[in-house]
Amino acid sequence: MRTLDSMNFPRLDLLKVDIEGFEVDMLAGARTTISTCRPVVYLEYMNPYNGDNSKVFVEYFSDLRYDLYYYITPIFNSRNYFGNEVNHFAGLWSFDMLCLPKEKAVVEGMLDARKDVGHCSDPELWRQVKFKYF
């Protein structure tokens, strides 16, 4: 395995991370890349393997001058592509965090990870999110 820092990316705009509990390890080897390239980062903060990493991510990205938001979505999308009406995933949610460099983007309609608890009871709330990338 290699760290992201060892790859010496000249540019990185988006980093999406869902690696089943290894997000913290990945970030340890990506600090220089994230500091230099300032990508938008989207990662899973809660999973069944190691629980809630939101505090770790808030600390890590706050030091890098990022804004942090919870992006909590139900696993079942009632407007899914195939029009399936049966929800086999009732009660299951995806707990992700959107990390935005202050100088590159703004977002509306999401919970601030520094102030709010990462909980959502409205399965349609995520549809109201507005994102603007500069």
C-alpha atoms as a PDB file:
ATOM      1  CA  MET A   1       0.000   0.000   0.000  1.00  0.00           C
ATOM      2  CA  ARG A   2       1.016   3.604  -0.592  1.00  0.00           C
ATOM      3  CA  THR A   3      -0.002   6.829   1.055  1.00  0.00           C
ATOM      4  CA  LEU A   4      -1.639   9.593  -0.945  1.00  0.00           C
ATOM      5  CA  ASP A   5       1.270  11.835   0.019  1.00  0.00           C
ATOM      6  CA  SER A   6       3.702   9.442  -1.689  1.00  0.00           C
ATOM      7  CA  MET A   7       1.894   9.905  -5.002  1.00  0.00           C
ATOM      8  CA  ASN A   8       2.785  13.621  -5.259  1.00  0.00           C
ATOM      9  CA  PHE A   9      -0.387  14.709  -7.016  1.00  0.00           C
ATOM     10  CA  PRO A  10       0.053  18.061  -8.763  1.00  0.00           C
ATOM     11  CA  ARG A  11      -3.692  18.644  -8.329  1.00  0.00           C
ATOM     12  CA  LEU A  12      -6.525  16.967  -6.449  1.00  0.00           C
ATOM     13  CA  ASP A  13     -10.009  18.508  -6.439  1.00  0.00           C
ATOM     14  CA  LEU A  14     -12.144  15.788  -4.855  1.00  0.00           C
ATOM     15  CA  LEU A  15     -11.308  12.965  -2.495  1.00  0.00           C
ATOM     16  CA  LYS A  16     -14.142  10.497  -1.788  1.00  0.00           C
ATOM     17  CA  VAL A  17     -13.336   7.993   0.918  1.00  0.00           C
ATOM     18  CA  ASP A  18     -15.448   5.017   2.035  1.00  0.00           C
ATOM     19  CA  ILE A  19     -12.966   2.340   3.056  1.00  0.00           C
ATOM     20  CA  GLU A  20     -14.847   0.583   5.854  1.00  0.00           C
ATOM     21  CA  GLY A  21     -13.153   1.963   8.928  1.00  0.00           C
ATOM     22  CA  PHE A  22      -9.738   2.789   7.491  1.00  0.00           C
ATOM     23  CA  GLU A  23     -10.523   6.451   6.820  1.00  0.00           C
ATOM     24  CA  VAL A  24      -8.429   7.644   9.779  1.00  0.00           C
ATOM     25  CA  ASP A  25      -5.441   5.626   8.559  1.00  0.00           C
ATOM     26  CA  MET A  26      -5.801   7.014   5.052  1.00  0.00           C
ATOM     27  CA  LEU A  27      -5.914  10.588   6.344  1.00  0.00           C
ATOM     28  CA  ALA A  28      -2.703  10.055   8.306  1.00  0.00           C
ATOM     29  CA  GLY A  29      -0.907   9.500   5.005  1.00  0.00           C
ATOM     30  CA  ALA A  30      -2.664  12.306   3.146  1.00  0.00           C
ATOM     31  CA  ARG A  31      -2.072  15.404   5.264  1.00  0.00           C
ATOM     32  CA  THR A  32       0.469  17.041   2.951  1.00  0.00           C
ATOM     33  CA  THR A  33      -1.667  16.348  -0.122  1.00  0.00           C
ATOM     34  CA  ILE A  34      -4.778  17.746   1.534  1.00  0.00           C
ATOM     35  CA  SER A  35      -2.897  20.784   2.871  1.00  0.00           C
ATOM     36  CA  THR A  36      -1.365  21.540  -0.521  1.00  0.00           C
ATOM     37  CA  CYS A  37      -4.118  20.616  -3.001  1.00  0.00           C
ATOM     38  CA  ARG A  38      -7.088  21.614  -0.799  1.00  0.00           C
ATOM     39  CA  PRO A  39      -9.575  19.101  -2.237  1.00  0.00           C
ATOM     40  CA  VAL A  40     -13.207  18.796  -1.276  1.00  0.00           C
ATOM     41  CA  VAL A  41     -13.265  15.651   0.873  1.00  0.00           C
ATOM     42  CA  TYR A  42     -16.284  13.366   1.266  1.00  0.00           C
ATOM     43  CA  LEU A  43     -15.911  10.499   3.711  1.00  0.00           C
ATOM     44  CA  GLU A  44     -17.842   8.046   5.802  1.00  0.00           C
ATOM     45  CA  TYR A  45     -17.607   9.066   9.455  1.00  0.00           C
ATOM     46  CA  MET A  46     -19.600   6.246  11.037  1.00  0.00           C
ATOM     47  CA  ASN A  47     -19.549   2.541  10.270  1.00  0.00           C
ATOM     48  CA  PRO A  48     -20.094  -0.758  12.075  1.00  0.00           C
ATOM     49  CA  TYR A  49     -16.370  -1.549  12.214  1.00  0.00           C
ATOM     50  CA  ASN A  50     -15.077   1.304  14.354  1.00  0.00           C
ATOM     51  CA  GLY A  51     -18.069   3.470  15.196  1.00  0.00           C
ATOM     52  CA  ASP A  52     -18.180   7.245  15.065  1.00  0.00           C
ATOM     53  CA  ASN A  53     -15.029   9.033  13.854  1.00  0.00           C
ATOM     54  CA  SER A  54     -16.664  12.449  13.533  1.00  0.00           C
ATOM     55  CA  LYS A  55     -14.626  14.031  16.357  1.00  0.00           C
ATOM     56  CA  VAL A  56     -11.368  12.805  14.815  1.00  0.00           C
ATOM     57  CA  PHE A  57     -12.340  14.243  11.424  1.00  0.00           C
ATOM     58  CA  VAL A  58     -13.484  17.561  12.924  1.00  0.00           C
ATOM     59  CA  GLU A  59     -10.126  17.951  14.672  1.00  0.00           C
ATOM     60  CA  TYR A  60      -8.107  16.916  11.607  1.00  0.00           C
ATOM     61  CA  PHE A  61      -9.894  19.210   9.131  1.00  0.00           C
ATOM     62  CA  SER A  62     -10.370  22.158  11.492  1.00  0.00           C
ATOM     63  CA  ASP A  63      -6.603  22.446  11.746  1.00  0.00           C
ATOM     64  CA  LEU A  64      -6.548  22.693   7.934  1.00  0.00           C
ATOM     65  CA  ARG A  65      -9.190  25.488   7.789  1.00  0.00           C
ATOM     66  CA  TYR A  66     -12.012  23.368   6.400  1.00  0.00           C
ATOM     67  CA  ASP A  67     -15.752  23.728   7.000  1.00  0.00           C
ATOM     68  CA  LEU A  68     -17.348  20.422   8.001  1.00  0.00           C
ATOM     69  CA  TYR A  69     -20.858  19.143   7.437  1.00  0.00           C
ATOM     70  CA  TYR A  70     -22.756  15.964   8.146  1.00  0.00           C
ATOM     71  CA  TYR A  71     -24.379  14.456   5.071  1.00  0.00           C
ATOM     72  CA  ILE A  72     -26.787  11.856   6.373  1.00  0.00           C
ATOM     73  CA  THR A  73     -28.877   9.961   3.864  1.00  0.00           C
ATOM     74  CA  PRO A  74     -31.186   6.963   3.999  1.00  0.00           C
ATOM     75  CA  ILE A  75     -29.866   3.882   2.219  1.00  0.00           C
ATOM     76  CA  PHE A  76     -33.163   3.592   0.325  1.00  0.00           C
ATOM     77  CA  ASN A  77     -33.933   6.333  -2.180  1.00  0.00           C
ATOM     78  CA  SER A  78     -37.672   6.491  -2.917  1.00  0.00           C
ATOM     79  CA  ARG A  79     -36.814   8.094  -6.275  1.00  0.00           C
ATOM     80  CA  ASN A  80     -34.405   5.335  -7.283  1.00  0.00           C
ATOM     81  CA  TYR A  81     -33.478   4.758 -10.907  1.00  0.00           C
ATOM     82  CA  PHE A  82     -35.459   1.528 -11.338  1.00  0.00           C
ATOM     83  CA  GLY A  83     -38.559   2.814  -9.525  1.00  0.00           C
ATOM     84  CA  ASN A  84     -38.398   0.087  -6.884  1.00  0.00           C
ATOM     85  CA  GLU A  85     -41.015   0.819  -4.251  1.00  0.00           C
ATOM     86  CA  VAL A  86     -40.038  -1.802  -1.680  1.00  0.00           C
ATOM     87  CA  ASN A  87     -37.657  -0.495   0.958  1.00  0.00           C
ATOM     88  CA  HIS A  88     -35.498  -3.413   2.080  1.00  0.00           C
ATOM     89  CA  PHE A  89     -33.287  -0.993   4.026  1.00  0.00           C
ATOM     90  CA  ALA A  90     -35.799   0.569   6.422  1.00  0.00           C
ATOM     91  CA  GLY A  91     -34.012   2.353   9.254  1.00  0.00           C
ATOM     92  CA  LEU A  92     -30.564   2.155   7.625  1.00  0.00           C
ATOM     93  CA  TRP A  93     -28.683   5.372   6.922  1.00  0.00           C
ATOM     94  CA  SER A  94     -25.339   6.389   5.477  1.00  0.00           C
ATOM     95  CA  PHE A  95     -23.359   8.714   7.788  1.00  0.00           C
ATOM     96  CA  ASP A  96     -20.934  10.808   5.785  1.00  0.00           C
ATOM     97  CA  MET A  97     -19.078  14.075   6.224  1.00  0.00           C
ATOM     98  CA  LEU A  98     -18.424  16.760   3.641  1.00  0.00           C
ATOM     99  CA  CYS A  99     -15.205  18.685   4.278  1.00  0.00           C
ATOM    100  CA  LEU A 100     -14.890  21.925   2.323  1.00  0.00           C
ATOM    101  CA  PRO A 101     -11.880  24.205   2.052  1.00  0.00           C
ATOM    102  CA  LYS A 102     -13.190  27.587   3.153  1.00  0.00           C
ATOM    103  CA  GLU A 103     -11.878  29.275   0.012  1.00  0.00           C
ATOM    104  CA  LYS A 104     -13.356  26.811  -2.503  1.00  0.00           C
ATOM    105  CA  ALA A 105     -16.990  26.104  -1.691  1.00  0.00           C
ATOM    106  CA  VAL A 106     -20.081  26.868   0.353  1.00  0.00           C
ATOM    107  CA  VAL A 107     -23.015  24.707   1.246  1.00  0.00           C
ATOM    108  CA  GLU A 108     -26.541  25.280   2.553  1.00  0.00           C
ATOM    109  CA  GLY A 109     -28.950  22.865   4.173  1.00  0.00           C
ATOM    110  CA  MET A 110     -26.472  20.618   5.975  1.00  0.00           C
ATOM    111  CA  LEU A 111     -25.690  20.199   9.670  1.00  0.00           C
ATOM    112  CA  ASP A 112     -22.456  21.855  10.803  1.00  0.00           C
ATOM    113  CA  ALA A 113     -20.293  19.050  12.219  1.00  0.00           C
ATOM    114  CA  ARG A 114     -18.701  21.421  14.751  1.00  0.00           C
ATOM    115  CA  LYS A 115     -22.034  22.424  16.278  1.00  0.00           C
ATOM    116  CA  ASP A 116     -24.626  19.751  15.582  1.00  0.00           C
ATOM    117  CA  VAL A 117     -25.038  16.119  16.495  1.00  0.00           C
ATOM    118  CA  GLY A 118     -24.733  13.763  13.527  1.00  0.00           C
ATOM    119  CA  HIS A 119     -28.341  12.590  13.586  1.00  0.00           C
ATOM    120  CA  CYS A 120     -31.128  13.029  11.090  1.00  0.00           C
ATOM    121  CA  SER A 121     -34.700  11.792  11.277  1.00  0.00           C
ATOM    122  CA  ASP A 122     -35.980  13.326   8.024  1.00  0.00           C
ATOM    123  CA  PRO A 123     -35.281  10.981   5.074  1.00  0.00           C
ATOM    124  CA  GLU A 124     -35.880  13.827   2.599  1.00  0.00           C
ATOM    125  CA  LEU A 125     -33.714  16.523   4.232  1.00  0.00           C
ATOM    126  CA  TRP A 126     -30.641  15.656   2.150  1.00  0.00           C
ATOM    127  CA  ARG A 127     -32.506  16.590  -1.030  1.00  0.00           C
ATOM    128  CA  GLN A 128     -32.553  20.259   0.049  1.00  0.00           C
ATOM    129  CA  VAL A 129     -28.769  20.639   0.146  1.00  0.00           C
ATOM    130  CA  LYS A 130     -27.273  23.353  -2.068  1.00  0.00           C
ATOM    131  CA  PHE A 131     -23.594  23.280  -2.971  1.00  0.00           C
ATOM    132  CA  LYS A 132     -21.607  25.979  -4.718  1.00  0.00           C
ATOM    133  CA  TYR A 133     -18.015  25.406  -5.802  1.00  0.00           C
ATOM    134  CA  PHE A 134     -15.949  28.498  -6.662  1.00  0.00           C
END
